């Protein structure tokens, strides 16, 4: 991390003047090509150009054409202008290496050196174009390293911000849990004691209101907990997850056979927080049972490239209610808390996904969650290895 300020300062001081380098390369290459063509036209023998001379001309023109192309394409390449000196250095180094090679040929006592135009052209072509290709690869590698470093810095800052937000939520839930629950419990106790001393029709209503307040506090704490941004995603088998959630919900709420009523369409792995995903599916399944009945049939599966859905065979959700469906406290039943789908929406948002309510093919309710990471086989294996290593 300590290198970042130096890299940033270097980039800031070099990027402006070096941004002109592609134009200078194109200009120089154009002049070079013009000089070569002019030289050919002025030195052309009366009998015309021979094959050897044409070959030498082509070799001389190759570096000019190559540099002209690079000069025109360089601004479109993913290369940081701060790495342009590296590119130029490799070109000069390649040319210098070939010049040194030619001088060594001349200096060698056992070699009959002949500095023909062809020899010079081949050496100049190999040195300049070879250095150019090496320089491009290194400049691209350095640029990618800079991008990764900037991305890692951004992710570290984002992680720190998320940790700060989670600490604030923890403090909030602590205040709600202690400062509200304590007087609420005391008040409920006083109401219970008052009910033993006198017979009043208002005391049962007061007790029910206090119980309702306790439920709201519990749901608010759960809402705050599930709204904390997910910092680490893990690979989760979709079919296994929804099957376990259905068995838990169906057994707890209806007593029906655990495998009855659920259809899982497709198998895949999704990435997310396993605990929060269980809460998400259990809340959606429980919502289907509350609004359709214990004999509801639910289908869940994947759709598109980044989504999954949960749908039932009930009467569906009126269009007018879909905008407020996920708001805390909204319910259409007398005994509903209005927090089940709100918690689902918080879990979805904490993952960076989106959720919407629509109609299923049978006319029932359908909840679609999109923006989900569904890795392939290679990515799945990598994620499993990362998950394994993170335990140590």
Protein backbone atom coordinates (compact mmCIF):
# COMPACT_ATOMS: atom_id res chain seq x y z
CA UNK A 1 0.00 0.00 0.00
CA UNK A 2 2.95 2.29 0.62
CA UNK A 3 3.76 2.34 -3.10
CA UNK A 4 0.41 3.84 -4.09
CA UNK A 5 1.26 7.53 -3.38
CA UNK A 6 4.47 7.21 -5.38
CA UNK A 7 2.65 5.58 -8.30
CA UNK A 8 -0.07 8.21 -8.20
CA UNK A 9 2.45 11.05 -8.16
CA UNK A 10 4.38 9.50 -11.03
CA UNK A 11 1.22 9.05 -13.05
CA UNK A 12 0.17 12.63 -12.40
CA UNK A 13 3.53 14.13 -13.40
CA UNK A 14 4.06 12.00 -16.50
CA UNK A 15 0.60 11.41 -17.91
CA UNK A 16 0.05 14.87 -19.40
CA UNK A 17 3.25 15.23 -21.46
CA UNK A 18 3.36 11.50 -22.29
CA UNK A 19 -0.18 11.61 -23.64
CA UNK A 20 1.31 13.29 -26.70
CA UNK A 21 3.68 10.36 -27.33
CA UNK A 22 1.33 8.38 -29.64
CA UNK A 23 0.99 11.44 -31.88
CA UNK A 24 4.77 11.91 -31.93
CA UNK A 25 5.26 8.24 -32.79
CA UNK A 26 2.78 8.49 -35.66
CA UNK A 27 4.40 11.71 -36.90
CA UNK A 28 7.90 10.27 -36.70
CA UNK A 29 6.83 7.07 -38.43
CA UNK A 30 5.17 9.01 -41.22
CA UNK A 31 8.32 11.09 -41.74
CA UNK A 32 10.43 7.94 -41.71
CA UNK A 33 8.27 6.29 -44.35
CA UNK A 34 8.36 9.46 -46.47
CA UNK A 35 12.16 9.59 -46.27
CA UNK A 36 12.47 5.94 -47.30
CA UNK A 37 10.13 6.40 -50.24
CA UNK A 38 11.95 9.59 -51.31
CA UNK A 39 15.29 7.80 -51.06
CA UNK A 40 14.01 4.97 -53.24
CA UNK A 41 12.68 7.35 -55.87
CA UNK A 42 15.86 9.44 -56.00
CA UNK A 43 18.33 6.54 -56.02
CA UNK A 44 16.41 4.23 -58.30
CA UNK A 45 18.68 2.91 -61.06
CA UNK A 46 17.62 3.37 -64.71
CA UNK A 47 17.17 -0.36 -65.16
CA UNK A 48 14.64 -0.45 -62.33
CA UNK A 49 14.66 -2.06 -58.90
CA UNK A 50 15.92 -5.57 -58.51
CA UNK A 51 14.45 -8.22 -56.26
CA UNK A 52 17.20 -7.78 -53.67
CA UNK A 53 16.67 -4.03 -53.57
CA UNK A 54 12.91 -4.44 -53.22
CA UNK A 55 13.45 -6.88 -50.36
CA UNK A 56 15.74 -4.37 -48.60
CA UNK A 57 13.15 -1.61 -49.05
CA UNK A 58 10.41 -3.77 -47.54
CA UNK A 59 12.63 -4.56 -44.54
CA UNK A 60 13.36 -0.87 -44.04
CA UNK A 61 9.66 0.04 -44.28
CA UNK A 62 8.46 -2.63 -41.81
CA UNK A 63 9.57 -0.68 -38.66
CA UNK A 64 8.00 2.53 -39.97
CA UNK A 65 4.69 0.88 -40.76
CA UNK A 66 4.71 -0.96 -37.41
CA UNK A 67 5.38 2.20 -35.43
CA UNK A 68 2.79 4.12 -37.43
CA UNK A 69 0.18 1.49 -36.58
CA UNK A 70 1.16 1.45 -32.89
CA UNK A 71 1.09 5.24 -32.74
CA UNK A 72 -2.45 5.28 -34.09
CA UNK A 73 -3.65 2.37 -31.90
CA UNK A 74 -1.81 3.21 -28.69
CA UNK A 75 -4.48 5.55 -27.22
CA UNK A 76 -7.10 2.80 -27.60
CA UNK A 77 -4.98 0.17 -25.83
CA UNK A 78 -5.39 -0.39 -22.08
CA UNK A 79 -1.96 1.03 -21.33
CA UNK A 80 -1.23 3.66 -18.71
CA UNK A 81 0.55 6.68 -20.27
CA UNK A 82 2.98 6.53 -17.35
CA UNK A 83 4.37 3.32 -18.86
CA UNK A 84 5.21 4.93 -22.21
CA UNK A 85 8.87 5.47 -21.17
CA UNK A 86 9.11 1.71 -20.65
CA UNK A 87 7.83 1.18 -24.19
CA UNK A 88 10.30 3.66 -25.67
CA UNK A 89 13.13 2.19 -23.59
CA UNK A 90 12.53 -1.31 -24.95
CA UNK A 91 12.50 -0.03 -28.53
CA UNK A 92 15.82 1.78 -28.03
CA UNK A 93 17.23 -1.23 -26.22
CA UNK A 94 16.29 -3.52 -29.10
CA UNK A 95 17.86 -1.22 -31.66
CA UNK A 96 20.95 -0.80 -29.49
CA UNK A 97 21.31 -4.56 -29.10
CA UNK A 98 21.28 -5.07 -32.85
CA UNK A 99 23.76 -2.22 -33.43
CA UNK A 100 26.05 -3.81 -30.84
CA UNK A 101 25.68 -7.13 -32.65
CA UNK A 102 26.76 -5.53 -35.95
CA UNK A 103 29.77 -3.88 -34.31
CA UNK A 104 30.78 -7.21 -32.80
CA UNK A 105 30.59 -8.75 -36.27
CA UNK A 106 32.93 -6.07 -37.58
CA UNK A 107 35.29 -6.45 -34.63
CA UNK A 108 35.43 -10.24 -34.84
CA UNK A 109 38.68 -11.22 -36.64
CA UNK A 110 37.24 -14.39 -38.11
CA UNK A 111 34.10 -12.85 -39.66
CA UNK A 112 34.04 -11.04 -42.98
CA UNK A 113 31.57 -8.28 -42.09
CA UNK A 114 29.73 -6.63 -44.91
CA UNK A 115 27.55 -3.64 -43.94
CA UNK A 116 25.10 -3.96 -46.77
CA UNK A 117 21.74 -2.22 -46.81
CA UNK A 118 20.08 -5.60 -46.35
CA UNK A 119 22.12 -6.39 -43.25
CA UNK A 120 21.34 -3.03 -41.70
CA UNK A 121 17.67 -3.30 -42.62
CA UNK A 122 17.28 -6.77 -41.09
CA UNK A 123 19.07 -5.70 -37.91
CA UNK A 124 17.06 -2.50 -37.59
CA UNK A 125 13.79 -4.38 -38.19
CA UNK A 126 14.51 -7.14 -35.69
CA UNK A 127 15.76 -4.74 -33.02
CA UNK A 128 13.06 -2.08 -33.24
CA UNK A 129 10.03 -4.31 -33.81
CA UNK A 130 11.21 -6.89 -31.28
CA UNK A 131 11.79 -4.20 -28.67
CA UNK A 132 8.40 -2.70 -29.51
CA UNK A 133 6.59 -6.02 -28.93
CA UNK A 134 8.40 -6.67 -25.65
CA UNK A 135 7.74 -3.10 -24.52
CA UNK A 136 4.04 -3.41 -25.30
CA UNK A 137 3.74 -6.59 -23.25
CA UNK A 138 5.57 -5.12 -20.27
CA UNK A 139 3.66 -1.83 -20.47
CA UNK A 140 0.38 -3.76 -20.54
CA UNK A 141 1.47 -5.88 -17.57
CA UNK A 142 2.48 -2.81 -15.56
CA UNK A 143 -0.81 -1.09 -16.41
CA UNK A 144 -2.78 -4.12 -15.26
CA UNK A 145 -0.78 -4.23 -12.04
CA UNK A 146 -1.61 -0.57 -11.43
CA UNK A 147 -5.29 -1.25 -12.11
CA UNK A 148 -5.31 -4.21 -9.73
CA UNK A 149 -3.59 -2.15 -7.06
CA UNK A 150 -6.14 0.63 -7.46
CA UNK A 151 -8.96 -1.92 -7.39
CA UNK A 152 -7.59 -3.53 -4.24
CA UNK A 153 -7.31 -0.13 -2.60
CA UNK A 154 -10.91 0.62 -3.56
CA UNK A 155 -12.07 -2.73 -2.20
CA UNK A 156 -10.16 -2.20 1.05
CA UNK A 157 -11.77 1.21 1.49
CA UNK A 158 -15.17 -0.26 0.70
CA UNK A 159 -14.62 -3.05 3.20
CA UNK A 160 -13.64 -0.53 5.87
CA UNK A 161 -16.75 1.52 5.09
CA UNK A 162 -18.94 -1.58 5.34
CA UNK A 163 -17.35 -2.51 8.66
CA UNK A 164 -18.07 1.00 9.95
CA UNK A 165 -21.71 0.76 8.83
CA UNK A 166 -22.06 -2.65 10.45
CA UNK A 167 -20.67 -1.30 13.73
CA UNK A 168 -23.21 1.52 13.62
CA UNK A 169 -25.98 -1.00 13.05
CA UNK A 170 -24.69 -3.10 15.93
CA UNK A 171 -24.83 -0.06 18.21
CA UNK A 172 -28.34 0.70 17.01
CA UNK A 173 -29.57 -2.82 17.62
CA UNK A 174 -27.95 -2.75 21.04
CA UNK A 175 -29.82 0.42 21.96
CA UNK A 176 -33.10 -0.99 20.66
CA UNK A 177 -32.59 -4.30 22.39
CA UNK A 178 -31.68 -2.93 25.80
CA UNK A 179 -33.27 0.51 26.11
CA UNK A 180 -36.65 -0.55 24.68
CA UNK A 181 -36.98 -4.12 25.82
CA UNK A 182 -36.20 -3.39 29.46
CA UNK A 183 -39.01 -0.83 30.07
CA UNK A 184 -41.33 -2.89 27.88
CA UNK A 185 -40.76 -6.00 29.98
CA UNK A 186 -41.29 -3.99 33.16
CA UNK A 187 -44.53 -2.52 31.85
CA UNK A 188 -45.78 -5.97 30.82
CA UNK A 189 -45.06 -7.19 34.33
CA UNK A 190 -47.02 -4.32 35.89
CA UNK A 191 -49.97 -4.99 33.59
CA UNK A 192 -49.92 -8.68 34.56
CA UNK A 193 -49.87 -7.77 38.27
CA UNK A 194 -52.70 -5.27 37.75
CA UNK A 195 -54.78 -7.98 36.10
CA UNK A 196 -54.59 -10.06 39.29
CA UNK A 197 -55.87 -7.17 41.45
CA UNK A 198 -58.72 -5.89 39.32
CA UNK A 199 -61.00 -7.02 36.56
CA UNK A 200 -60.79 -4.55 33.67
CA UNK A 201 -61.65 -5.05 30.04
CA UNK A 202 -58.77 -2.78 29.06
CA UNK A 203 -55.97 -4.81 30.63
CA UNK A 204 -56.06 -7.66 28.05
CA UNK A 205 -55.92 -5.04 25.30
CA UNK A 206 -52.94 -3.40 26.98
CA UNK A 207 -51.19 -6.77 27.31
CA UNK A 208 -51.85 -7.51 23.62
CA UNK A 209 -50.46 -4.10 22.65
CA UNK A 210 -47.31 -4.70 24.67
CA UNK A 211 -46.89 -8.10 23.08
CA UNK A 212 -47.31 -6.50 19.69
CA UNK A 213 -44.60 -3.95 20.57
CA UNK A 214 -42.27 -6.79 21.56
CA UNK A 215 -42.86 -8.46 18.22
CA UNK A 216 -42.15 -5.22 16.37
CA UNK A 217 -38.88 -4.76 18.31
CA UNK A 218 -37.80 -8.32 17.48
CA UNK A 219 -38.62 -7.81 13.81
CA UNK A 220 -36.86 -4.45 13.72
CA UNK A 221 -33.72 -6.01 15.17
CA UNK A 222 -33.90 -8.81 12.61
CA UNK A 223 -34.40 -6.25 9.83
CA UNK A 224 -31.31 -4.31 10.92
CA UNK A 225 -29.27 -7.50 11.18
CA UNK A 226 -30.23 -8.76 7.73
CA UNK A 227 -29.63 -5.32 6.19
CA UNK A 228 -25.90 -5.41 6.96
CA UNK A 229 -24.00 -5.62 3.68
CA UNK A 230 -22.65 -9.06 2.88
CA UNK A 231 -18.84 -8.84 2.89
CA UNK A 232 -18.02 -12.44 1.91
CA UNK A 233 -19.87 -14.59 -0.63
CA UNK A 234 -19.73 -18.39 -0.50
CA UNK A 235 -20.80 -21.00 -3.07
CA UNK A 236 -24.12 -22.60 -2.05
CA UNK A 237 -25.87 -25.50 -3.77
CA UNK A 238 -29.24 -24.10 -4.81
CA UNK A 239 -31.31 -27.30 -4.78
CA UNK A 240 -29.98 -28.45 -1.40
CA UNK A 241 -30.54 -25.03 0.16
CA UNK A 242 -34.16 -24.62 -0.93
CA UNK A 243 -34.94 -28.24 -0.05
CA UNK A 244 -33.68 -27.78 3.51
CA UNK A 245 -35.56 -24.49 3.87
CA UNK A 246 -38.79 -26.03 2.60
CA UNK A 247 -38.54 -28.98 4.99
CA UNK A 248 -37.98 -26.61 7.90
CA UNK A 249 -40.88 -24.31 6.96
CA UNK A 250 -43.35 -27.01 5.95
CA UNK A 251 -42.71 -29.11 9.06
CA UNK A 252 -42.89 -26.15 11.43
CA UNK A 253 -45.93 -24.43 9.94
CA UNK A 254 -48.13 -27.12 8.43
CA UNK A 255 -47.06 -30.53 9.62
CA UNK A 256 -47.26 -31.75 5.99
CA UNK A 257 -44.75 -34.27 4.59
CA UNK A 258 -41.46 -32.36 4.10
CA UNK A 259 -41.10 -33.29 0.42
CA UNK A 260 -44.69 -32.47 -0.53
CA UNK A 261 -45.52 -29.25 -2.39
CA UNK A 262 -42.09 -28.08 -3.54
CA UNK A 263 -40.72 -28.31 -7.08
CA UNK A 264 -37.10 -27.34 -7.74
CA UNK A 265 -36.44 -26.46 -11.38
CA UNK A 266 -32.76 -26.94 -12.20
CA UNK A 267 -29.55 -27.42 -10.26
CA UNK A 268 -26.72 -24.94 -9.90
CA UNK A 269 -24.51 -23.13 -7.43
CA UNK A 270 -25.17 -19.56 -6.35
CA UNK A 271 -22.92 -17.26 -4.36
CA UNK A 272 -24.13 -15.57 -1.18
CA UNK A 273 -24.30 -15.70 2.60
CA UNK A 274 -25.69 -19.18 3.45
CA UNK A 275 -27.40 -18.12 6.69
CA UNK A 276 -29.13 -15.14 5.13
CA UNK A 277 -30.15 -17.17 2.09
CA UNK A 278 -31.87 -19.65 4.41
CA UNK A 279 -33.74 -16.79 6.04
CA UNK A 280 -34.70 -15.46 2.61
CA UNK A 281 -36.17 -18.73 1.35
CA UNK A 282 -37.88 -19.57 4.64
CA UNK A 283 -39.57 -16.16 4.68
CA UNK A 284 -40.70 -16.53 1.07
CA UNK A 285 -42.02 -20.05 1.68
CA UNK A 286 -43.80 -18.92 4.85
CA UNK A 287 -45.33 -16.00 2.95
CA UNK A 288 -46.72 -18.43 0.35
CA UNK A 289 -48.24 -20.60 3.07
CA UNK A 290 -49.76 -17.66 4.94
CA UNK A 291 -51.47 -16.22 1.86
CA UNK A 292 -52.44 -19.41 0.00
CA UNK A 293 -52.77 -22.03 2.72
CA UNK A 294 -50.99 -25.15 3.96
CA UNK A 295 -51.66 -27.03 0.71
CA UNK A 296 -49.86 -24.47 -1.44
CA UNK A 297 -47.60 -25.71 -4.24
CA UNK A 298 -44.34 -23.79 -4.64
CA UNK A 299 -41.89 -23.86 -7.53
CA UNK A 300 -38.43 -22.38 -7.35
CA UNK A 301 -35.56 -22.38 -9.81
CA UNK A 302 -33.09 -20.37 -11.87
CA UNK A 303 -33.86 -18.10 -14.80
CA UNK A 304 -31.78 -15.98 -17.14
CA UNK A 305 -28.07 -15.68 -16.48
CA UNK A 306 -28.21 -14.19 -13.00
CA UNK A 307 -31.55 -14.86 -11.33
CA UNK A 308 -33.72 -17.25 -9.36
CA UNK A 309 -37.42 -17.19 -8.53
CA UNK A 310 -40.01 -18.47 -6.05
CA UNK A 311 -43.63 -18.78 -7.20
CA UNK A 312 -46.86 -20.32 -5.86
CA UNK A 313 -50.21 -21.43 -7.25
CA UNK A 314 -52.28 -18.96 -5.26
CA UNK A 315 -54.39 -15.97 -6.35
CA UNK A 316 -51.37 -13.75 -6.99
CA UNK A 317 -50.57 -10.21 -5.89
CA UNK A 318 -52.62 -7.24 -7.14
CA UNK A 319 -50.54 -4.84 -9.19
CA UNK A 320 -51.43 -1.90 -6.91
CA UNK A 321 -49.81 -3.62 -3.90
CA UNK A 322 -46.50 -4.56 -5.50
CA UNK A 323 -44.86 -1.19 -4.86
CA UNK A 324 -45.45 -1.32 -1.09
CA UNK A 325 -45.13 -5.08 -0.69
CA UNK A 326 -41.59 -4.95 0.71
CA UNK A 327 -42.06 -1.99 3.06
CA UNK A 328 -41.67 -2.75 6.79
CA UNK A 329 -44.99 -3.16 8.54
CA UNK A 330 -47.08 -3.70 5.41
CA UNK A 331 -49.41 -6.70 5.71
CA UNK A 332 -52.77 -7.82 4.31
CA UNK A 333 -53.60 -10.21 7.15
CA UNK A 334 -54.81 -9.48 10.68
CA UNK A 335 -52.11 -11.52 12.39
CA UNK A 336 -49.24 -10.70 10.02
CA UNK A 337 -46.20 -8.76 11.23
CA UNK A 338 -45.50 -7.04 7.92
CA UNK A 339 -41.78 -7.75 8.29
CA UNK A 340 -41.38 -11.08 6.47
CA UNK A 341 -40.99 -9.67 2.95
CA UNK A 342 -39.25 -6.56 4.28
CA UNK A 343 -36.54 -8.80 5.71
CA UNK A 344 -36.35 -10.61 2.37
CA UNK A 345 -35.83 -7.27 0.61
CA UNK A 346 -33.10 -6.31 3.09
CA UNK A 347 -31.28 -9.61 2.52
CA UNK A 348 -31.50 -9.13 -1.24
CA UNK A 349 -30.21 -5.56 -0.98
CA UNK A 350 -27.40 -6.62 1.35
CA UNK A 351 -26.18 -8.95 -1.41
CA UNK A 352 -26.38 -6.20 -4.03
CA UNK A 353 -29.26 -7.93 -5.82
CA UNK A 354 -32.73 -6.75 -6.81
CA UNK A 355 -36.15 -8.27 -6.16
CA UNK A 356 -39.53 -7.74 -7.77
CA UNK A 357 -43.00 -9.29 -7.45
CA UNK A 358 -44.91 -10.40 -10.53
CA UNK A 359 -47.35 -13.10 -11.69
CA UNK A 360 -46.49 -16.75 -12.25
CA UNK A 361 -47.68 -18.64 -15.31
CA UNK A 362 -50.53 -20.11 -13.24
CA UNK A 363 -51.57 -16.67 -11.97
CA UNK A 364 -50.00 -16.99 -8.56
CA UNK A 365 -47.37 -14.82 -6.89
CA UNK A 366 -43.85 -14.91 -8.27
CA UNK A 367 -40.78 -13.31 -6.66
CA UNK A 368 -37.77 -12.77 -8.94
CA UNK A 369 -34.28 -12.04 -7.60
CA UNK A 370 -31.67 -10.90 -10.13
CA UNK A 371 -28.01 -9.85 -10.06
CA UNK A 372 -26.99 -13.18 -8.53
CA UNK A 373 -23.56 -14.66 -9.20
CA UNK A 374 -23.97 -18.15 -10.68
CA UNK A 375 -20.42 -19.46 -11.23
CA UNK A 376 -19.40 -22.10 -13.75
CA UNK A 377 -17.64 -25.34 -12.86
CA UNK A 378 -14.15 -23.80 -12.86
CA UNK A 379 -15.23 -20.80 -10.80
CA UNK A 380 -17.13 -23.07 -8.42
CA UNK A 381 -14.00 -25.09 -7.69
CA UNK A 382 -11.99 -21.94 -7.09
CA UNK A 383 -14.63 -20.53 -4.73
CA UNK A 384 -14.73 -23.80 -2.79
CA UNK A 385 -10.96 -23.71 -2.37
CA UNK A 386 -11.10 -20.09 -1.19
CA UNK A 387 -13.85 -21.01 1.28
CA UNK A 388 -11.74 -23.90 2.59
CA UNK A 389 -8.63 -21.76 2.97
CA UNK A 390 -10.56 -18.96 4.71
CA UNK A 391 -11.23 -21.30 7.63
CA UNK A 392 -7.55 -21.31 8.60
